[in-house]
Amino acid sequence: MASVQPAVDSFISNIQALEREFEKDVTKLTTRMAKMSDTQLISSVSQLNFFQELVDKGYGNALNSFDKEYEKMLAAAISEANKRGIPPLAGASVEGLEVLRDMDYKRLLGRAEMYANELQMQLFRGVYAGTPPNAIVSNLLTAMSDNKYKLASHQLNVVAYDGLKTFDDMARYKTFQGQDVRWIYVGPQDSATRPECQSTKDREPKKGYTESEASSSDTPFGIRGGFNCRHSWMVK
């Protein structure tokens, strides 16, 4: 089973570095805009696009690098199938996985857009109201450090992890769907383990679950224990 967390950690690390650089740029911009007339300010803000600047400064590259991890997950599932003499995926199964991948990409892109729009709005409000530049910068930095607005937040980490983890699970399921294989439920068993995950593990037959049994369990394929679940269905 490919590990999801290292890819997520690398993605978040890249976003944290980007966010620090972006904060510096916003601070410089605030100082310049504070010296503008209302007419100049409105004209300047109308031309701003924090979202595009974020993408150009590295969010796009970081997201593209993270997106390549989806290819690795699918390749790992196909490689395992090849070892067992199972024909590769084709048609609707591949298309469905691509749709899932694209939706995750757009979801992560949307996080950056929300972050950029919030900062741009906060900046304009402050400058237009005549708030001193140092106060505007202070307010913006406070907003950027608040998990409600912060880009490299716990929420982004969770969304990235859940998306890649679910794709990994679905890629394996779709690769082996309809084949004569058995399934086992893999993951930590500790105080954070959800009841449905513990139940699936406790009831696991020695030979493993059939596809039908796994699908009708408390943790079916694609859902497992729910959002941000740490468990996976693996072929025995």
C-alpha atoms as a PDB file:
ATOM      1  CA  MET A   1       0.000   0.000   0.000  1.00  0.00           C
ATOM      2  CA  ALA A   2       1.430   3.349  -1.043  1.00  0.00           C
ATOM      3  CA  SER A   3       1.777   5.840   1.787  1.00  0.00           C
ATOM      4  CA  VAL A   4      -0.393   8.932   1.438  1.00  0.00           C
ATOM      5  CA  GLN A   5       0.940  11.062   4.305  1.00  0.00           C
ATOM      6  CA  PRO A   6       4.425  11.870   2.869  1.00  0.00           C
ATOM      7  CA  ALA A   7       2.842  13.289  -0.283  1.00  0.00           C
ATOM      8  CA  VAL A   8       0.429  15.369   1.783  1.00  0.00           C
ATOM      9  CA  ASP A   9       3.240  16.604   4.057  1.00  0.00           C
ATOM     10  CA  SER A  10       5.294  17.679   1.048  1.00  0.00           C
ATOM     11  CA  PHE A  11       2.324  19.521  -0.463  1.00  0.00           C
ATOM     12  CA  ILE A  12       1.548  21.369   2.779  1.00  0.00           C
ATOM     13  CA  SER A  13       5.231  22.258   3.247  1.00  0.00           C
ATOM     14  CA  ASN A  14       5.283  23.832  -0.221  1.00  0.00           C
ATOM     15  CA  ILE A  15       2.132  25.814   0.526  1.00  0.00           C
ATOM     16  CA  GLN A  16       3.525  27.062   3.849  1.00  0.00           C
ATOM     17  CA  ALA A  17       6.622  28.423   2.082  1.00  0.00           C
ATOM     18  CA  LEU A  18       4.438  30.027  -0.587  1.00  0.00           C
ATOM     19  CA  GLU A  19       2.167  31.589   2.033  1.00  0.00           C
ATOM     20  CA  ARG A  20       5.120  33.205   3.813  1.00  0.00           C
ATOM     21  CA  GLU A  21       6.326  34.801   0.579  1.00  0.00           C
ATOM     22  CA  PHE A  22       2.822  35.925  -0.305  1.00  0.00           C
ATOM     23  CA  GLU A  23       2.432  37.623   3.073  1.00  0.00           C
ATOM     24  CA  LYS A  24       5.556  39.687   2.349  1.00  0.00           C
ATOM     25  CA  ASP A  25       4.168  40.748  -1.039  1.00  0.00           C
ATOM     26  CA  VAL A  26       0.835  41.765   0.484  1.00  0.00           C
ATOM     27  CA  THR A  27       2.617  43.858   3.120  1.00  0.00           C
ATOM     28  CA  LYS A  28       4.535  45.784   0.433  1.00  0.00           C
ATOM     29  CA  LEU A  29       1.390  46.245  -1.633  1.00  0.00           C
ATOM     30  CA  THR A  30      -0.536  47.627   1.337  1.00  0.00           C
ATOM     31  CA  THR A  31       2.090  50.316   1.930  1.00  0.00           C
ATOM     32  CA  ARG A  32       1.946  51.416  -1.725  1.00  0.00           C
ATOM     33  CA  MET A  33      -1.832  51.453  -1.894  1.00  0.00           C
ATOM     34  CA  ALA A  34      -2.161  53.531   1.273  1.00  0.00           C
ATOM     35  CA  LYS A  35      -0.593  56.433  -0.641  1.00  0.00           C
ATOM     36  CA  MET A  36      -3.157  56.337  -3.460  1.00  0.00           C
ATOM     37  CA  SER A  37      -6.218  58.516  -3.946  1.00  0.00           C
ATOM     38  CA  ASP A  38      -9.648  56.828  -3.863  1.00  0.00           C
ATOM     39  CA  THR A  39      -9.770  56.892  -7.659  1.00  0.00           C
ATOM     40  CA  GLN A  40      -6.335  55.333  -7.973  1.00  0.00           C
ATOM     41  CA  LEU A  41      -7.164  52.799  -5.279  1.00  0.00           C
ATOM     42  CA  ILE A  42     -10.363  51.626  -6.928  1.00  0.00           C
ATOM     43  CA  SER A  43      -8.594  51.346 -10.273  1.00  0.00           C
ATOM     44  CA  SER A  44      -5.711  49.432  -8.726  1.00  0.00           C
ATOM     45  CA  VAL A  45      -7.914  47.005  -6.805  1.00  0.00           C
ATOM     46  CA  SER A  46     -10.023  46.302  -9.880  1.00  0.00           C
ATOM     47  CA  GLN A  47      -6.865  45.027 -11.571  1.00  0.00           C
ATOM     48  CA  LEU A  48      -5.736  42.888  -8.651  1.00  0.00           C
ATOM     49  CA  ASN A  49      -6.076  39.129  -8.847  1.00  0.00           C
ATOM     50  CA  PHE A  50      -4.603  37.567  -5.720  1.00  0.00           C
ATOM     51  CA  PHE A  51      -5.796  34.141  -6.812  1.00  0.00           C
ATOM     52  CA  GLN A  52      -3.893  34.239 -10.099  1.00  0.00           C
ATOM     53  CA  GLU A  53      -0.836  35.602  -8.313  1.00  0.00           C
ATOM     54  CA  LEU A  54      -0.983  32.690  -5.866  1.00  0.00           C
ATOM     55  CA  VAL A  55      -1.195  30.203  -8.711  1.00  0.00           C
ATOM     56  CA  ASP A  56       1.677  31.873 -10.572  1.00  0.00           C
ATOM     57  CA  LYS A  57       3.863  32.140  -7.475  1.00  0.00           C
ATOM     58  CA  GLY A  58       3.780  28.403  -6.853  1.00  0.00           C
ATOM     59  CA  TYR A  59       0.381  27.096  -5.827  1.00  0.00           C
ATOM     60  CA  GLY A  60      -0.179  25.800  -9.342  1.00  0.00           C
ATOM     61  CA  ASN A  61       3.139  23.939  -9.386  1.00  0.00           C
ATOM     62  CA  ALA A  62       2.603  22.552  -5.884  1.00  0.00           C
ATOM     63  CA  LEU A  63      -0.862  21.319  -6.836  1.00  0.00           C
ATOM     64  CA  ASN A  64       0.403  19.776 -10.079  1.00  0.00           C
ATOM     65  CA  SER A  65       3.131  17.934  -8.180  1.00  0.00           C
ATOM     66  CA  PHE A  66       0.584  16.649  -5.689  1.00  0.00           C
ATOM     67  CA  ASP A  67      -1.705  15.624  -8.543  1.00  0.00           C
ATOM     68  CA  LYS A  68       1.040  13.344  -9.886  1.00  0.00           C
ATOM     69  CA  GLU A  69       0.687  11.292  -6.707  1.00  0.00           C
ATOM     70  CA  TYR A  70      -2.702  10.188  -8.017  1.00  0.00           C
ATOM     71  CA  GLU A  71      -0.954   8.681 -11.035  1.00  0.00           C
ATOM     72  CA  LYS A  72       1.392   6.789  -8.708  1.00  0.00           C
ATOM     73  CA  MET A  73      -1.536   5.392  -6.711  1.00  0.00           C
ATOM     74  CA  LEU A  74      -3.252   4.116  -9.843  1.00  0.00           C
ATOM     75  CA  ALA A  75       0.006   2.727 -11.231  1.00  0.00           C
ATOM     76  CA  ALA A  76       0.614   0.806  -7.993  1.00  0.00           C
ATOM     77  CA  ALA A  77      -2.845  -0.785  -8.177  1.00  0.00           C
ATOM     78  CA  ILE A  78      -2.369  -1.741 -11.822  1.00  0.00           C
ATOM     79  CA  SER A  79       1.092  -3.160 -11.112  1.00  0.00           C
ATOM     80  CA  GLU A  80      -0.349  -5.380  -8.382  1.00  0.00           C
ATOM     81  CA  ALA A  81      -3.080  -6.554 -10.752  1.00  0.00           C
ATOM     82  CA  ASN A  82      -0.519  -7.381 -13.449  1.00  0.00           C
ATOM     83  CA  LYS A  83       1.382  -9.563 -10.983  1.00  0.00           C
ATOM     84  CA  ARG A  84      -1.824 -11.530 -10.440  1.00  0.00           C
ATOM     85  CA  GLY A  85      -2.569 -11.826 -14.158  1.00  0.00           C
ATOM     86  CA  ILE A  86      -5.556  -9.478 -14.013  1.00  0.00           C
ATOM     87  CA  PRO A  87      -6.203  -7.382 -17.155  1.00  0.00           C
ATOM     88  CA  PRO A  88      -5.675  -3.594 -16.879  1.00  0.00           C
ATOM     89  CA  LEU A  89      -8.439  -1.070 -16.369  1.00  0.00           C
ATOM     90  CA  ALA A  90     -10.277   0.307 -19.361  1.00  0.00           C
ATOM     91  CA  GLY A  91     -13.283   2.367 -20.400  1.00  0.00           C
ATOM     92  CA  ALA A  92     -15.677   3.708 -17.793  1.00  0.00           C
ATOM     93  CA  SER A  93     -13.530   2.650 -14.833  1.00  0.00           C
ATOM     94  CA  VAL A  94     -10.606   4.797 -15.989  1.00  0.00           C
ATOM     95  CA  GLU A  95     -12.893   7.698 -16.870  1.00  0.00           C
ATOM     96  CA  GLY A  96     -14.563   7.528 -13.467  1.00  0.00           C
ATOM     97  CA  LEU A  97     -11.210   7.685 -11.676  1.00  0.00           C
ATOM     98  CA  GLU A  98     -10.219  10.680 -13.813  1.00  0.00           C
ATOM     99  CA  VAL A  99     -13.421  12.458 -12.802  1.00  0.00           C
ATOM    100  CA  LEU A 100     -12.660  11.746  -9.137  1.00  0.00           C
ATOM    101  CA  ARG A 101      -9.131  13.060  -9.581  1.00  0.00           C
ATOM    102  CA  ASP A 102     -10.311  16.215 -11.356  1.00  0.00           C
ATOM    103  CA  MET A 103     -12.851  16.935  -8.629  1.00  0.00           C
ATOM    104  CA  ASP A 104     -10.149  16.706  -5.960  1.00  0.00           C
ATOM    105  CA  TYR A 105      -7.922  19.037  -7.997  1.00  0.00           C
ATOM    106  CA  LYS A 106     -10.690  21.618  -8.289  1.00  0.00           C
ATOM    107  CA  ARG A 107     -11.479  21.322  -4.581  1.00  0.00           C
ATOM    108  CA  LEU A 108      -7.875  22.140  -3.633  1.00  0.00           C
ATOM    109  CA  LEU A 109      -7.767  24.936  -6.200  1.00  0.00           C
ATOM    110  CA  GLY A 110     -10.963  26.320  -4.683  1.00  0.00           C
ATOM    111  CA  ARG A 111      -9.274  26.538  -1.270  1.00  0.00           C
ATOM    112  CA  ALA A 112      -6.662  28.877  -2.731  1.00  0.00           C
ATOM    113  CA  GLU A 113      -9.323  30.984  -4.419  1.00  0.00           C
ATOM    114  CA  MET A 114     -11.252  31.447  -1.151  1.00  0.00           C
ATOM    115  CA  TYR A 115      -8.048  32.427   0.650  1.00  0.00           C
ATOM    116  CA  ALA A 116      -7.068  34.929  -2.055  1.00  0.00           C
ATOM    117  CA  ASN A 117     -10.517  36.504  -2.269  1.00  0.00           C
ATOM    118  CA  GLU A 118     -10.706  36.987   1.489  1.00  0.00           C
ATOM    119  CA  LEU A 119      -7.339  38.727   1.647  1.00  0.00           C
ATOM    120  CA  GLN A 120      -8.137  40.943  -1.318  1.00  0.00           C
ATOM    121  CA  MET A 121     -11.407  42.009   0.275  1.00  0.00           C
ATOM    122  CA  GLN A 122      -9.773  42.697   3.644  1.00  0.00           C
ATOM    123  CA  LEU A 123      -7.070  44.766   1.949  1.00  0.00           C
ATOM    124  CA  PHE A 124      -9.516  46.934   0.020  1.00  0.00           C
ATOM    125  CA  ARG A 125     -11.737  47.520   3.036  1.00  0.00           C
ATOM    126  CA  GLY A 126      -8.825  48.697   5.111  1.00  0.00           C
ATOM    127  CA  VAL A 127      -7.249  51.000   2.560  1.00  0.00           C
ATOM    128  CA  TYR A 128     -10.567  52.442   1.387  1.00  0.00           C
ATOM    129  CA  ALA A 129     -11.552  53.232   4.984  1.00  0.00           C
ATOM    130  CA  GLY A 130      -8.300  55.116   5.493  1.00  0.00           C
ATOM    131  CA  THR A 131      -6.962  52.681   8.059  1.00  0.00           C
ATOM    132  CA  PRO A 132      -3.226  53.251   8.712  1.00  0.00           C
ATOM    133  CA  PRO A 133      -1.032  50.858   6.655  1.00  0.00           C
ATOM    134  CA  ASN A 134       0.542  49.259   9.725  1.00  0.00           C
ATOM    135  CA  ALA A 135      -2.923  48.504  11.117  1.00  0.00           C
ATOM    136  CA  ILE A 136      -4.039  47.032   7.782  1.00  0.00           C
ATOM    137  CA  VAL A 137      -0.950  44.843   7.620  1.00  0.00           C
ATOM    138  CA  SER A 138      -1.508  43.741  11.203  1.00  0.00           C
ATOM    139  CA  ASN A 139      -5.130  42.849  10.456  1.00  0.00           C
ATOM    140  CA  LEU A 140      -4.158  40.963   7.300  1.00  0.00           C
ATOM    141  CA  LEU A 141      -1.453  38.990   9.065  1.00  0.00           C
ATOM    142  CA  THR A 142      -3.915  38.147  11.822  1.00  0.00           C
ATOM    143  CA  ALA A 143      -6.424  36.965   9.214  1.00  0.00           C
ATOM    144  CA  MET A 144      -3.763  34.907   7.444  1.00  0.00           C
ATOM    145  CA  SER A 145      -2.764  33.242  10.709  1.00  0.00           C
ATOM    146  CA  ASP A 146      -6.380  32.436  11.566  1.00  0.00           C
ATOM    147  CA  ASN A 147      -7.358  28.906  10.515  1.00  0.00           C
ATOM    148  CA  LYS A 148     -10.549  30.369   9.019  1.00  0.00           C
ATOM    149  CA  TYR A 149      -8.479  32.156   6.353  1.00  0.00           C
ATOM    150  CA  LYS A 150      -5.058  30.509   6.465  1.00  0.00           C
ATOM    151  CA  LEU A 151      -4.149  28.621   3.305  1.00  0.00           C
ATOM    152  CA  ALA A 152      -1.746  26.022   4.727  1.00  0.00           C
ATOM    153  CA  SER A 153      -4.282  25.123   7.402  1.00  0.00           C
ATOM    154  CA  HIS A 154      -5.309  21.923   9.127  1.00  0.00           C
ATOM    155  CA  GLN A 155      -8.385  21.931   6.893  1.00  0.00           C
ATOM    156  CA  LEU A 156      -6.248  21.956   3.730  1.00  0.00           C
ATOM    157  CA  ASN A 157      -4.180  19.103   5.144  1.00  0.00           C
ATOM    158  CA  VAL A 158      -7.308  17.071   5.869  1.00  0.00           C
ATOM    159  CA  VAL A 159      -8.863  17.753   2.455  1.00  0.00           C
ATOM    160  CA  ALA A 160      -5.648  16.786   0.647  1.00  0.00           C
ATOM    161  CA  TYR A 161      -5.249  13.624   2.718  1.00  0.00           C
ATOM    162  CA  ASP A 162      -8.862  12.536   2.374  1.00  0.00           C
ATOM    163  CA  GLY A 163      -8.867  13.078  -1.388  1.00  0.00           C
ATOM    164  CA  LEU A 164      -5.693  11.130  -2.095  1.00  0.00           C
ATOM    165  CA  LYS A 165      -6.529   8.385   0.392  1.00  0.00           C
ATOM    166  CA  THR A 166      -9.979   7.867  -1.110  1.00  0.00           C
ATOM    167  CA  PHE A 167      -8.567   7.842  -4.644  1.00  0.00           C
ATOM    168  CA  ASP A 168      -5.989   5.244  -3.626  1.00  0.00           C
ATOM    169  CA  ASP A 169      -8.767   3.063  -2.221  1.00  0.00           C
ATOM    170  CA  MET A 170     -11.024   3.505  -5.253  1.00  0.00           C
ATOM    171  CA  ALA A 171      -8.208   2.888  -7.741  1.00  0.00           C
ATOM    172  CA  ARG A 172      -7.487  -0.447  -6.078  1.00  0.00           C
ATOM    173  CA  TYR A 173     -11.159  -1.379  -5.873  1.00  0.00           C
ATOM    174  CA  LYS A 174     -11.857  -0.540  -9.513  1.00  0.00           C
ATOM    175  CA  THR A 175      -8.731  -2.393 -10.645  1.00  0.00           C
ATOM    176  CA  PHE A 176      -9.805  -5.587  -8.873  1.00  0.00           C
ATOM    177  CA  GLN A 177     -13.588  -5.173  -9.153  1.00  0.00           C
ATOM    178  CA  GLY A 178     -15.295  -8.409 -10.183  1.00  0.00           C
ATOM    179  CA  GLN A 179     -12.111 -10.473  -9.741  1.00  0.00           C
ATOM    180  CA  ASP A 180     -11.799 -13.556  -7.557  1.00  0.00           C
ATOM    181  CA  VAL A 181      -9.797 -11.930  -4.767  1.00  0.00           C
ATOM    182  CA  ARG A 182     -10.229 -11.449  -1.042  1.00  0.00           C
ATOM    183  CA  TRP A 183     -10.046  -8.145   0.801  1.00  0.00           C
ATOM    184  CA  ILE A 184      -8.602  -7.151   4.173  1.00  0.00           C
ATOM    185  CA  TYR A 185      -9.159  -3.918   6.093  1.00  0.00           C
ATOM    186  CA  VAL A 186      -5.845  -2.279   6.978  1.00  0.00           C
ATOM    187  CA  GLY A 187      -5.096   0.621   9.304  1.00  0.00           C
ATOM    188  CA  PRO A 188      -4.361   1.640  12.893  1.00  0.00           C
ATOM    189  CA  GLN A 189      -6.345   0.323  15.817  1.00  0.00           C
ATOM    190  CA  ASP A 190      -6.099   2.837  18.627  1.00  0.00           C
ATOM    191  CA  SER A 191      -8.184   5.272  20.671  1.00  0.00           C
ATOM    192  CA  ALA A 192      -8.981   7.295  17.527  1.00  0.00           C
ATOM    193  CA  THR A 193     -10.323   4.300  15.587  1.00  0.00           C
ATOM    194  CA  ARG A 194     -13.979   4.770  14.688  1.00  0.00           C
ATOM    195  CA  PRO A 195     -16.488   2.115  15.838  1.00  0.00           C
ATOM    196  CA  GLU A 196     -17.392   1.105  12.273  1.00  0.00           C
ATOM    197  CA  CYS A 197     -13.714   0.583  11.411  1.00  0.00           C
ATOM    198  CA  GLN A 198     -13.142  -1.467  14.539  1.00  0.00           C
ATOM    199  CA  SER A 199     -16.238  -3.521  13.746  1.00  0.00           C
ATOM    200  CA  THR A 200     -15.031  -4.289  10.224  1.00  0.00           C
ATOM    201  CA  LYS A 201     -11.642  -5.351  11.528  1.00  0.00           C
ATOM    202  CA  ASP A 202     -13.078  -7.458  14.339  1.00  0.00           C
ATOM    203  CA  ARG A 203     -15.396  -9.330  11.963  1.00  0.00           C
ATOM    204  CA  GLU A 204     -12.775  -9.944   9.274  1.00  0.00           C
ATOM    205  CA  PRO A 205     -12.765 -13.610   8.168  1.00  0.00           C
ATOM    206  CA  LYS A 206      -9.423 -15.443   8.207  1.00  0.00           C
ATOM    207  CA  LYS A 207      -9.567 -15.694   4.421  1.00  0.00           C
ATOM    208  CA  GLY A 208     -10.511 -12.045   4.120  1.00  0.00           C
ATOM    209  CA  TYR A 209     -13.749 -10.498   2.858  1.00  0.00           C
ATOM    210  CA  THR A 210     -15.257 -11.230  -0.517  1.00  0.00           C
ATOM    211  CA  GLU A 211     -16.034  -8.168  -2.625  1.00  0.00           C
ATOM    212  CA  SER A 212     -19.714  -8.504  -1.787  1.00  0.00           C
ATOM    213  CA  GLU A 213     -19.025  -8.817   1.931  1.00  0.00           C
ATOM    214  CA  ALA A 214     -16.725  -5.783   1.924  1.00  0.00           C
ATOM    215  CA  SER A 215     -19.283  -3.728   0.006  1.00  0.00           C
ATOM    216  CA  SER A 216     -22.007  -4.524   2.533  1.00  0.00           C
ATOM    217  CA  SER A 217     -19.794  -3.990   5.594  1.00  0.00           C
ATOM    218  CA  ASP A 218     -19.894  -0.960   7.893  1.00  0.00           C
ATOM    219  CA  THR A 219     -16.986   0.482   5.885  1.00  0.00           C
ATOM    220  CA  PRO A 220     -17.743  -0.075   2.174  1.00  0.00           C
ATOM    221  CA  PHE A 221     -15.327   0.724  -0.647  1.00  0.00           C
ATOM    222  CA  GLY A 222     -14.892   4.436  -1.263  1.00  0.00           C
ATOM    223  CA  ILE A 223     -16.415   5.375   2.086  1.00  0.00           C
ATOM    224  CA  ARG A 224     -14.556   3.245   4.626  1.00  0.00           C
ATOM    225  CA  GLY A 225     -14.967   4.949   8.016  1.00  0.00           C
ATOM    226  CA  GLY A 226     -15.973   8.274   6.499  1.00  0.00           C
ATOM    227  CA  PHE A 227     -14.213  11.573   5.884  1.00  0.00           C
ATOM    228  CA  ASN A 228     -10.474  11.512   6.661  1.00  0.00           C
ATOM    229  CA  CYS A 229     -10.523   7.803   7.493  1.00  0.00           C
ATOM    230  CA  ARG A 230      -7.076   6.300   8.066  1.00  0.00           C
ATOM    231  CA  HIS A 231      -8.007   2.811   6.867  1.00  0.00           C
ATOM    232  CA  SER A 232      -7.832   1.132   3.465  1.00  0.00           C
ATOM    233  CA  TRP A 233      -9.184  -1.918   1.706  1.00  0.00           C
ATOM    234  CA  MET A 234      -6.287  -4.053   0.478  1.00  0.00           C
ATOM    235  CA  VAL A 235      -6.214  -7.179  -1.673  1.00  0.00           C
ATOM    236  CA  LYS A 236      -5.059 -10.145   0.394  1.00  0.00           C
END
